């Protein structure tokens, strides 16, 4: 997985729980398959819970609130050989442009 960082992280988030983000996903040919930006509502998920592909967990874990990244996620950290038809073909490398809006930390860690 490759991550392009719009500005460097100042604070790692190893104890993060909930993440809220805006993002856009594209295939290698540039075809957009999903975007939360037009909906105007950030998507939320719990890091490390299996709610999203492994590339998302790994790519967002070290981000700070307000940080933007370009994540290039190989098939083994995305949808694998099966893909996610009809939008994501088999063995697809995915690119996501994301902005982390909010991160909630687990105070118990």
N, C-alpha and C. Protein backbone atom coordinates (compact mmCIF):
# COMPACT_ATOMS: atom_id res chain seq x y z
N UNK A 1 0.85 -1.18 0.00
CA UNK A 1 0.00 0.00 0.00
C UNK A 1 0.89 1.23 0.00
N UNK A 2 0.51 2.24 -0.75
CA UNK A 2 1.25 3.49 -0.79
C UNK A 2 0.35 4.58 -0.24
N UNK A 3 0.93 5.48 0.52
CA UNK A 3 0.16 6.62 1.03
C UNK A 3 0.87 7.90 0.63
N UNK A 4 0.15 8.80 -0.01
CA UNK A 4 0.66 10.12 -0.30
C UNK A 4 0.06 11.03 0.76
N UNK A 5 0.91 11.76 1.47
CA UNK A 5 0.46 12.57 2.60
C UNK A 5 0.44 14.03 2.18
N UNK A 6 -0.71 14.69 2.31
CA UNK A 6 -0.85 16.09 1.93
C UNK A 6 -0.05 16.99 2.85
N UNK A 7 0.03 16.66 4.12
CA UNK A 7 0.92 17.34 5.06
C UNK A 7 1.27 16.33 6.14
N UNK A 8 2.46 16.44 6.74
CA UNK A 8 2.92 15.39 7.64
C UNK A 8 2.09 15.30 8.91
N UNK A 9 1.95 14.08 9.40
CA UNK A 9 1.25 13.85 10.66
C UNK A 9 2.08 14.41 11.80
N UNK A 10 1.41 15.03 12.74
CA UNK A 10 2.09 15.52 13.93
C UNK A 10 1.82 14.62 15.12
N UNK A 11 0.81 13.80 15.01
CA UNK A 11 0.36 13.00 16.14
C UNK A 11 -0.18 11.68 15.63
N UNK A 12 0.43 10.57 16.03
CA UNK A 12 -0.06 9.26 15.62
C UNK A 12 -1.28 8.89 16.45
N UNK A 13 -2.10 8.02 15.91
CA UNK A 13 -3.35 7.64 16.57
C UNK A 13 -3.44 6.13 16.80
N UNK A 14 -2.49 5.51 17.50
CA UNK A 14 -2.55 4.06 17.68
C UNK A 14 -3.72 3.62 18.55
N UNK A 15 -4.27 4.54 19.33
CA UNK A 15 -5.37 4.18 20.23
C UNK A 15 -6.71 4.69 19.72
N UNK A 16 -6.79 5.00 18.43
CA UNK A 16 -8.03 5.51 17.87
C UNK A 16 -9.10 4.44 17.83
N UNK A 17 -10.34 4.86 18.00
CA UNK A 17 -11.47 3.94 17.88
C UNK A 17 -12.33 4.30 16.69
N UNK A 18 -13.04 5.41 16.79
CA UNK A 18 -13.98 5.81 15.74
C UNK A 18 -13.34 6.84 14.82
N UNK A 19 -13.56 6.68 13.52
CA UNK A 19 -13.03 7.62 12.54
C UNK A 19 -14.17 8.10 11.65
N UNK A 20 -14.17 9.39 11.33
CA UNK A 20 -15.13 9.97 10.40
C UNK A 20 -14.34 10.62 9.28
N UNK A 21 -14.71 10.37 8.04
CA UNK A 21 -13.92 10.87 6.93
C UNK A 21 -14.80 11.19 5.73
N UNK A 22 -14.26 12.06 4.88
CA UNK A 22 -14.78 12.28 3.54
C UNK A 22 -13.81 11.59 2.60
N UNK A 23 -14.31 10.97 1.55
CA UNK A 23 -13.39 10.30 0.64
C UNK A 23 -14.01 10.01 -0.71
N UNK A 24 -13.11 9.72 -1.65
CA UNK A 24 -13.50 9.36 -3.01
C UNK A 24 -12.64 8.18 -3.43
N UNK A 25 -13.27 7.14 -3.98
CA UNK A 25 -12.54 5.96 -4.42
C UNK A 25 -12.57 5.83 -5.93
N UNK A 26 -11.41 5.51 -6.51
CA UNK A 26 -11.32 5.31 -7.96
C UNK A 26 -10.56 4.02 -8.28
N UNK A 27 -10.84 3.51 -9.47
CA UNK A 27 -10.11 2.36 -9.99
C UNK A 27 -8.84 2.86 -10.68
N UNK A 28 -7.99 1.93 -11.10
CA UNK A 28 -6.72 2.31 -11.74
C UNK A 28 -6.93 3.15 -13.00
N UNK A 29 -8.04 2.95 -13.70
CA UNK A 29 -8.31 3.72 -14.93
C UNK A 29 -8.96 5.08 -14.64
N UNK A 30 -9.13 5.40 -13.35
CA UNK A 30 -9.71 6.68 -12.96
C UNK A 30 -11.21 6.67 -12.75
N UNK A 31 -11.87 5.55 -13.01
CA UNK A 31 -13.32 5.44 -12.82
C UNK A 31 -13.66 5.56 -11.33
N UNK A 32 -14.52 6.52 -11.00
CA UNK A 32 -14.94 6.70 -9.61
C UNK A 32 -16.02 5.67 -9.28
N UNK A 33 -15.83 4.96 -8.16
CA UNK A 33 -16.83 3.97 -7.77
C UNK A 33 -17.56 4.36 -6.49
N UNK A 34 -17.07 5.36 -5.77
CA UNK A 34 -17.77 5.80 -4.57
C UNK A 34 -17.22 7.14 -4.12
N UNK A 35 -18.07 7.96 -3.51
CA UNK A 35 -17.64 9.23 -2.94
C UNK A 35 -18.64 9.68 -1.89
N UNK A 36 -18.12 10.04 -0.73
CA UNK A 36 -18.98 10.58 0.32
C UNK A 36 -19.08 12.10 0.21
N UNK A 37 -18.27 12.71 -0.64
CA UNK A 37 -18.21 14.17 -0.75
C UNK A 37 -19.54 14.76 -1.22
N UNK A 38 -20.16 14.27 -2.32
CA UNK A 38 -21.43 14.86 -2.76
C UNK A 38 -22.55 14.70 -1.74
N UNK A 39 -22.49 13.65 -0.94
CA UNK A 39 -23.53 13.43 0.07
C UNK A 39 -23.44 14.45 1.20
N UNK A 40 -22.26 15.07 1.37
CA UNK A 40 -22.09 16.08 2.40
C UNK A 40 -22.09 15.55 3.82
N UNK A 41 -22.00 14.27 3.96
CA UNK A 41 -22.03 13.62 5.28
C UNK A 41 -20.83 12.68 5.37
N UNK A 42 -19.94 12.90 6.35
CA UNK A 42 -18.80 12.00 6.46
C UNK A 42 -19.24 10.59 6.83
N UNK A 43 -18.48 9.61 6.38
CA UNK A 43 -18.72 8.22 6.75
C UNK A 43 -17.95 7.92 8.02
N UNK A 44 -18.51 7.06 8.86
CA UNK A 44 -17.83 6.71 10.11
C UNK A 44 -17.69 5.19 10.21
N UNK A 45 -16.63 4.77 10.88
CA UNK A 45 -16.41 3.35 11.15
C UNK A 45 -15.47 3.21 12.33
N UNK A 46 -15.42 2.01 12.88
CA UNK A 46 -14.52 1.71 13.99
C UNK A 46 -13.27 1.05 13.42
N UNK A 47 -12.12 1.67 13.68
CA UNK A 47 -10.85 1.14 13.19
C UNK A 47 -10.60 -0.25 13.75
N UNK A 48 -10.09 -1.14 12.90
CA UNK A 48 -9.69 -2.47 13.33
C UNK A 48 -10.82 -3.43 13.63
N UNK A 49 -12.05 -3.07 13.29
CA UNK A 49 -13.21 -3.90 13.63
C UNK A 49 -13.67 -4.78 12.46
N UNK A 50 -13.05 -4.62 11.29
CA UNK A 50 -13.47 -5.39 10.13
C UNK A 50 -14.63 -4.75 9.37
N UNK A 51 -15.02 -3.52 9.72
CA UNK A 51 -16.12 -2.84 9.03
C UNK A 51 -15.71 -2.36 7.64
N UNK A 52 -14.41 -2.16 7.44
CA UNK A 52 -13.90 -1.66 6.16
C UNK A 52 -12.74 -2.54 5.70
N UNK A 53 -12.28 -2.32 4.49
CA UNK A 53 -11.15 -3.10 3.98
C UNK A 53 -9.89 -2.83 4.82
N UNK A 54 -8.98 -3.78 4.83
CA UNK A 54 -7.76 -3.68 5.64
C UNK A 54 -6.93 -2.45 5.28
N UNK A 55 -6.92 -2.08 4.01
CA UNK A 55 -6.17 -0.90 3.58
C UNK A 55 -6.65 0.38 4.23
N UNK A 56 -7.95 0.47 4.50
CA UNK A 56 -8.50 1.63 5.20
C UNK A 56 -8.01 1.66 6.64
N UNK A 57 -8.10 0.53 7.33
CA UNK A 57 -7.62 0.48 8.71
C UNK A 57 -6.16 0.92 8.78
N UNK A 58 -5.33 0.37 7.92
CA UNK A 58 -3.90 0.70 7.94
C UNK A 58 -3.64 2.13 7.52
N UNK A 59 -4.35 2.61 6.52
CA UNK A 59 -4.11 3.94 5.98
C UNK A 59 -4.57 5.08 6.86
N UNK A 60 -5.66 4.88 7.60
CA UNK A 60 -6.19 5.96 8.42
C UNK A 60 -5.67 5.95 9.85
N UNK A 61 -5.11 4.86 10.29
CA UNK A 61 -4.68 4.73 11.68
C UNK A 61 -3.71 5.82 12.10
N UNK A 62 -2.76 6.17 11.26
CA UNK A 62 -1.73 7.14 11.63
C UNK A 62 -2.08 8.57 11.23
N UNK A 63 -3.32 8.82 10.84
CA UNK A 63 -3.71 10.16 10.40
C UNK A 63 -4.14 11.04 11.57
N UNK A 64 -4.04 12.35 11.35
CA UNK A 64 -4.53 13.36 12.29
C UNK A 64 -5.83 13.96 11.75
N UNK A 65 -6.63 14.52 12.63
CA UNK A 65 -7.84 15.22 12.19
C UNK A 65 -7.45 16.33 11.23
N UNK A 66 -8.18 16.42 10.13
CA UNK A 66 -7.92 17.45 9.12
C UNK A 66 -6.89 17.05 8.08
N UNK A 67 -6.19 15.96 8.30
CA UNK A 67 -5.16 15.52 7.35
C UNK A 67 -5.81 14.91 6.11
N UNK A 68 -5.15 15.09 4.97
CA UNK A 68 -5.61 14.52 3.71
C UNK A 68 -4.55 13.54 3.21
N UNK A 69 -5.00 12.43 2.63
CA UNK A 69 -4.09 11.44 2.08
C UNK A 69 -4.65 10.85 0.80
N UNK A 70 -3.72 10.38 0.00
CA UNK A 70 -4.06 9.55 -1.16
C UNK A 70 -3.58 8.15 -0.80
N UNK A 71 -4.51 7.21 -0.70
CA UNK A 71 -4.18 5.83 -0.38
C UNK A 71 -4.29 4.99 -1.65
N UNK A 72 -3.22 4.29 -1.98
CA UNK A 72 -3.23 3.35 -3.10
C UNK A 72 -3.19 1.97 -2.48
N UNK A 73 -4.30 1.25 -2.59
CA UNK A 73 -4.48 0.00 -1.85
C UNK A 73 -4.48 -1.19 -2.81
N UNK A 74 -3.52 -2.12 -2.61
CA UNK A 74 -3.46 -3.30 -3.48
C UNK A 74 -4.62 -4.25 -3.20
N UNK A 75 -4.89 -5.16 -4.13
CA UNK A 75 -6.03 -6.07 -3.98
C UNK A 75 -6.05 -6.86 -2.68
N UNK A 76 -4.87 -7.29 -2.18
CA UNK A 76 -4.86 -8.10 -0.97
C UNK A 76 -5.26 -7.33 0.28
N UNK A 77 -5.26 -5.99 0.22
CA UNK A 77 -5.74 -5.17 1.33
C UNK A 77 -7.08 -4.52 1.00
N UNK A 78 -7.65 -4.90 -0.16
CA UNK A 78 -8.94 -4.36 -0.58
C UNK A 78 -9.95 -5.52 -0.68
N UNK A 79 -10.38 -5.84 -1.90
CA UNK A 79 -11.41 -6.87 -2.09
C UNK A 79 -10.87 -8.16 -2.70
N UNK A 80 -9.53 -8.25 -2.83
CA UNK A 80 -8.90 -9.49 -3.26
C UNK A 80 -9.26 -9.91 -4.68
N UNK A 81 -9.10 -11.21 -4.91
CA UNK A 81 -9.36 -11.77 -6.24
C UNK A 81 -10.84 -11.70 -6.63
N UNK A 82 -11.72 -11.69 -5.64
CA UNK A 82 -13.16 -11.69 -5.92
C UNK A 82 -13.67 -10.33 -6.39
N UNK A 83 -13.04 -9.24 -5.93
CA UNK A 83 -13.56 -7.91 -6.22
C UNK A 83 -14.86 -7.67 -5.45
N UNK A 84 -15.60 -6.66 -5.85
CA UNK A 84 -16.90 -6.35 -5.25
C UNK A 84 -17.83 -5.90 -6.37
N UNK A 85 -18.25 -6.87 -7.21
CA UNK A 85 -19.10 -6.55 -8.36
C UNK A 85 -20.39 -5.84 -7.93
N UNK A 86 -20.93 -4.98 -8.75
CA UNK A 86 -20.49 -4.70 -10.11
C UNK A 86 -19.49 -3.56 -10.22
N UNK A 87 -19.25 -2.82 -9.16
CA UNK A 87 -18.41 -1.62 -9.26
C UNK A 87 -16.91 -1.89 -9.23
N UNK A 88 -16.49 -2.89 -8.48
CA UNK A 88 -15.06 -3.14 -8.31
C UNK A 88 -14.71 -4.50 -8.91
N UNK A 89 -13.89 -4.50 -9.97
CA UNK A 89 -13.54 -5.76 -10.63
C UNK A 89 -12.59 -6.63 -9.80
N UNK A 90 -12.40 -7.84 -10.26
CA UNK A 90 -11.49 -8.78 -9.62
C UNK A 90 -10.08 -8.20 -9.55
N UNK A 91 -9.39 -8.48 -8.45
CA UNK A 91 -7.97 -8.11 -8.27
C UNK A 91 -7.69 -6.64 -8.55
N UNK A 92 -8.59 -5.75 -8.14
CA UNK A 92 -8.44 -4.32 -8.41
C UNK A 92 -7.58 -3.62 -7.37
N UNK A 93 -6.68 -2.77 -7.86
CA UNK A 93 -5.95 -1.84 -7.00
C UNK A 93 -6.82 -0.59 -6.90
N UNK A 94 -7.07 -0.13 -5.69
CA UNK A 94 -7.97 1.00 -5.47
C UNK A 94 -7.20 2.23 -4.99
N UNK A 95 -7.65 3.40 -5.42
CA UNK A 95 -7.07 4.66 -4.96
C UNK A 95 -8.16 5.44 -4.25
N UNK A 96 -7.84 5.92 -3.07
CA UNK A 96 -8.77 6.73 -2.29
C UNK A 96 -8.12 8.05 -1.95
N UNK A 97 -8.86 9.13 -2.14
CA UNK A 97 -8.46 10.45 -1.67
C UNK A 97 -9.33 10.70 -0.45
N UNK A 98 -8.70 10.81 0.71
CA UNK A 98 -9.47 10.90 1.95
C UNK A 98 -9.06 12.10 2.79
N UNK A 99 -10.00 12.60 3.56
CA UNK A 99 -9.74 13.63 4.57
C UNK A 99 -10.34 13.12 5.87
N UNK A 100 -9.50 13.01 6.89
CA UNK A 100 -9.98 12.56 8.19
C UNK A 100 -10.61 13.75 8.90
N UNK A 101 -11.89 13.65 9.18
CA UNK A 101 -12.64 14.74 9.80
C UNK A 101 -12.55 14.67 11.32
N UNK A 102 -12.71 13.47 11.86
CA UNK A 102 -12.73 13.31 13.32
C UNK A 102 -12.18 11.95 13.68
N UNK A 103 -11.47 11.90 14.80
CA UNK A 103 -10.98 10.64 15.33
C UNK A 103 -11.26 10.64 16.83
N UNK A 104 -11.88 9.59 17.31
CA UNK A 104 -12.14 9.47 18.74
C UNK A 104 -11.20 8.42 19.29
N UNK A 105 -10.56 8.73 20.40
CA UNK A 105 -9.57 7.83 20.98
C UNK A 105 -10.16 7.01 22.11
N UNK A 106 -9.59 5.85 22.29
CA UNK A 106 -9.97 4.99 23.40
C UNK A 106 -9.11 5.37 24.60
N UNK A 107 -9.70 5.99 25.61
CA UNK A 107 -8.96 6.44 26.78
C UNK A 107 -8.42 5.31 27.63
N UNK A 108 -8.94 4.10 27.43
CA UNK A 108 -8.53 2.99 28.27
C UNK A 108 -7.22 2.37 27.81
N UNK A 109 -6.76 2.66 26.60
CA UNK A 109 -5.52 2.06 26.11
C UNK A 109 -4.31 2.76 26.66
